Protein backbone atom coordinates (compact mmCIF):
# COMPACT_ATOMS: atom_id res chain seq x y z
CA MET A 1 96.43 15.84 -3.20
CA PRO A 2 99.26 13.38 -1.43
CA ASN A 3 101.16 13.63 -4.46
CA TYR A 4 101.53 17.63 -3.67
CA ALA A 5 101.81 17.20 -0.24
CA LYS A 6 105.27 14.76 -0.99
CA ALA A 7 106.52 16.71 -3.48
CA HIS A 8 106.43 19.67 -0.92
CA GLY A 9 108.06 17.59 1.18
CA ILE A 10 110.83 16.25 -0.89
CA LEU A 11 111.32 19.63 -2.32
CA MET A 12 111.68 21.31 0.58
CA GLY A 13 113.81 18.56 2.56
CA LEU A 14 116.31 18.59 -0.21
CA ALA A 15 116.49 22.05 -0.44
CA PHE A 16 117.20 22.97 3.02
CA VAL A 17 118.79 19.70 4.15
CA VAL A 18 120.89 18.59 1.36
CA VAL A 19 121.50 21.90 -1.11
CA LEU A 20 121.82 24.82 0.28
CA PRO A 21 123.81 23.34 3.27
CA GLY A 22 125.91 21.67 0.54
CA GLY A 23 126.43 24.99 -1.27
CA ALA A 24 128.15 26.47 1.75
CA ILE A 25 130.63 23.73 2.73
CA LEU A 26 131.36 22.98 -0.75
CA MET A 27 132.38 27.02 -0.94
CA ARG A 28 134.79 26.25 2.28
CA LEU A 29 136.09 23.20 0.64
CA LEU A 30 137.69 24.60 -2.78
CA ILE A 31 138.04 28.23 -1.25
CA SER A 32 141.66 27.47 -2.58
CA LYS A 33 140.18 27.57 -6.10
CA GLY A 34 139.53 31.27 -6.05
CA LYS A 35 136.45 32.15 -8.54
CA THR A 36 135.66 28.80 -9.71
CA ALA A 37 134.54 28.26 -6.02
CA VAL A 38 132.29 31.23 -5.96
CA TRP A 39 130.96 29.95 -9.41
CA VAL A 40 130.12 26.64 -8.05
CA HIS A 41 128.64 28.15 -4.81
CA VAL A 42 126.28 30.12 -6.82
CA GLY A 43 125.29 27.39 -9.33
CA ILE A 44 124.51 25.06 -6.38
CA GLN A 45 122.65 27.89 -4.12
CA LEU A 46 120.76 28.69 -7.61
CA VAL A 47 119.45 25.09 -7.98
CA GLY A 48 118.79 25.17 -4.12
CA TRP A 49 116.33 28.56 -4.85
CA VAL A 50 114.75 26.94 -7.68
CA LEU A 51 113.84 23.62 -5.32
CA MET A 52 112.61 26.09 -2.53
CA ILE A 53 110.58 28.13 -4.48
CA SER A 54 108.70 24.70 -6.40
CA GLY A 55 108.23 23.43 -2.94
CA LEU A 56 106.64 26.58 -1.69
CA ALA A 57 104.69 26.53 -4.90
CA MET A 58 103.63 22.96 -3.87
CA GLY A 59 102.33 23.63 -0.24
CA ALA A 60 100.69 26.25 -1.68
CA LYS A 61 98.58 24.27 -3.67
CA VAL A 62 98.04 22.05 -0.81
CA GLY A 63 97.38 24.42 1.69
CA LYS A 64 94.62 25.60 -1.65
CA ILE A 65 93.26 22.15 -1.81
CA LEU A 66 92.73 21.70 1.76
CA ASP A 67 91.28 25.02 2.05
CA ARG A 68 93.25 26.10 4.80
CA VAL A 69 94.66 29.54 2.94
CA SER A 70 92.80 32.31 2.49
CA PRO A 71 92.88 33.53 -1.08
CA GLU A 72 94.33 36.82 0.07
CA ILE A 73 97.56 34.75 1.24
CA LEU A 74 97.79 33.23 -2.08
CA PHE A 75 97.62 36.21 -3.78
CA LEU A 76 100.45 38.22 -1.63
CA CYS A 77 102.34 34.75 -2.03
CA ARG A 78 102.15 35.37 -5.47
CA ASN A 79 102.79 38.31 -5.73
CA LEU A 80 105.90 38.09 -3.53
CA LEU A 81 107.30 35.56 -6.07
CA VAL A 82 106.80 37.48 -9.11
CA MET A 83 108.66 40.39 -7.78
CA ILE A 84 111.97 38.11 -6.20
CA MET A 85 111.65 36.59 -9.92
């Protein structure tokens, strides 16, 4: 279980502290590049989104292992993730 907890923390930290803000900052720095800036921004934000969803999955796994998440909540989260994707 500790590996899942570490993975959850690392993935979410990277997503919310580094990648997502970095994509927003780069958008502003590259604004003079036109459409290139938009596509760089989109790519970076998609990487952040993948990290965020992966971190969410790791967090759900940790919650399930520790028996702190009810099966109904896990079912709801899985369905929401499938609908989003």
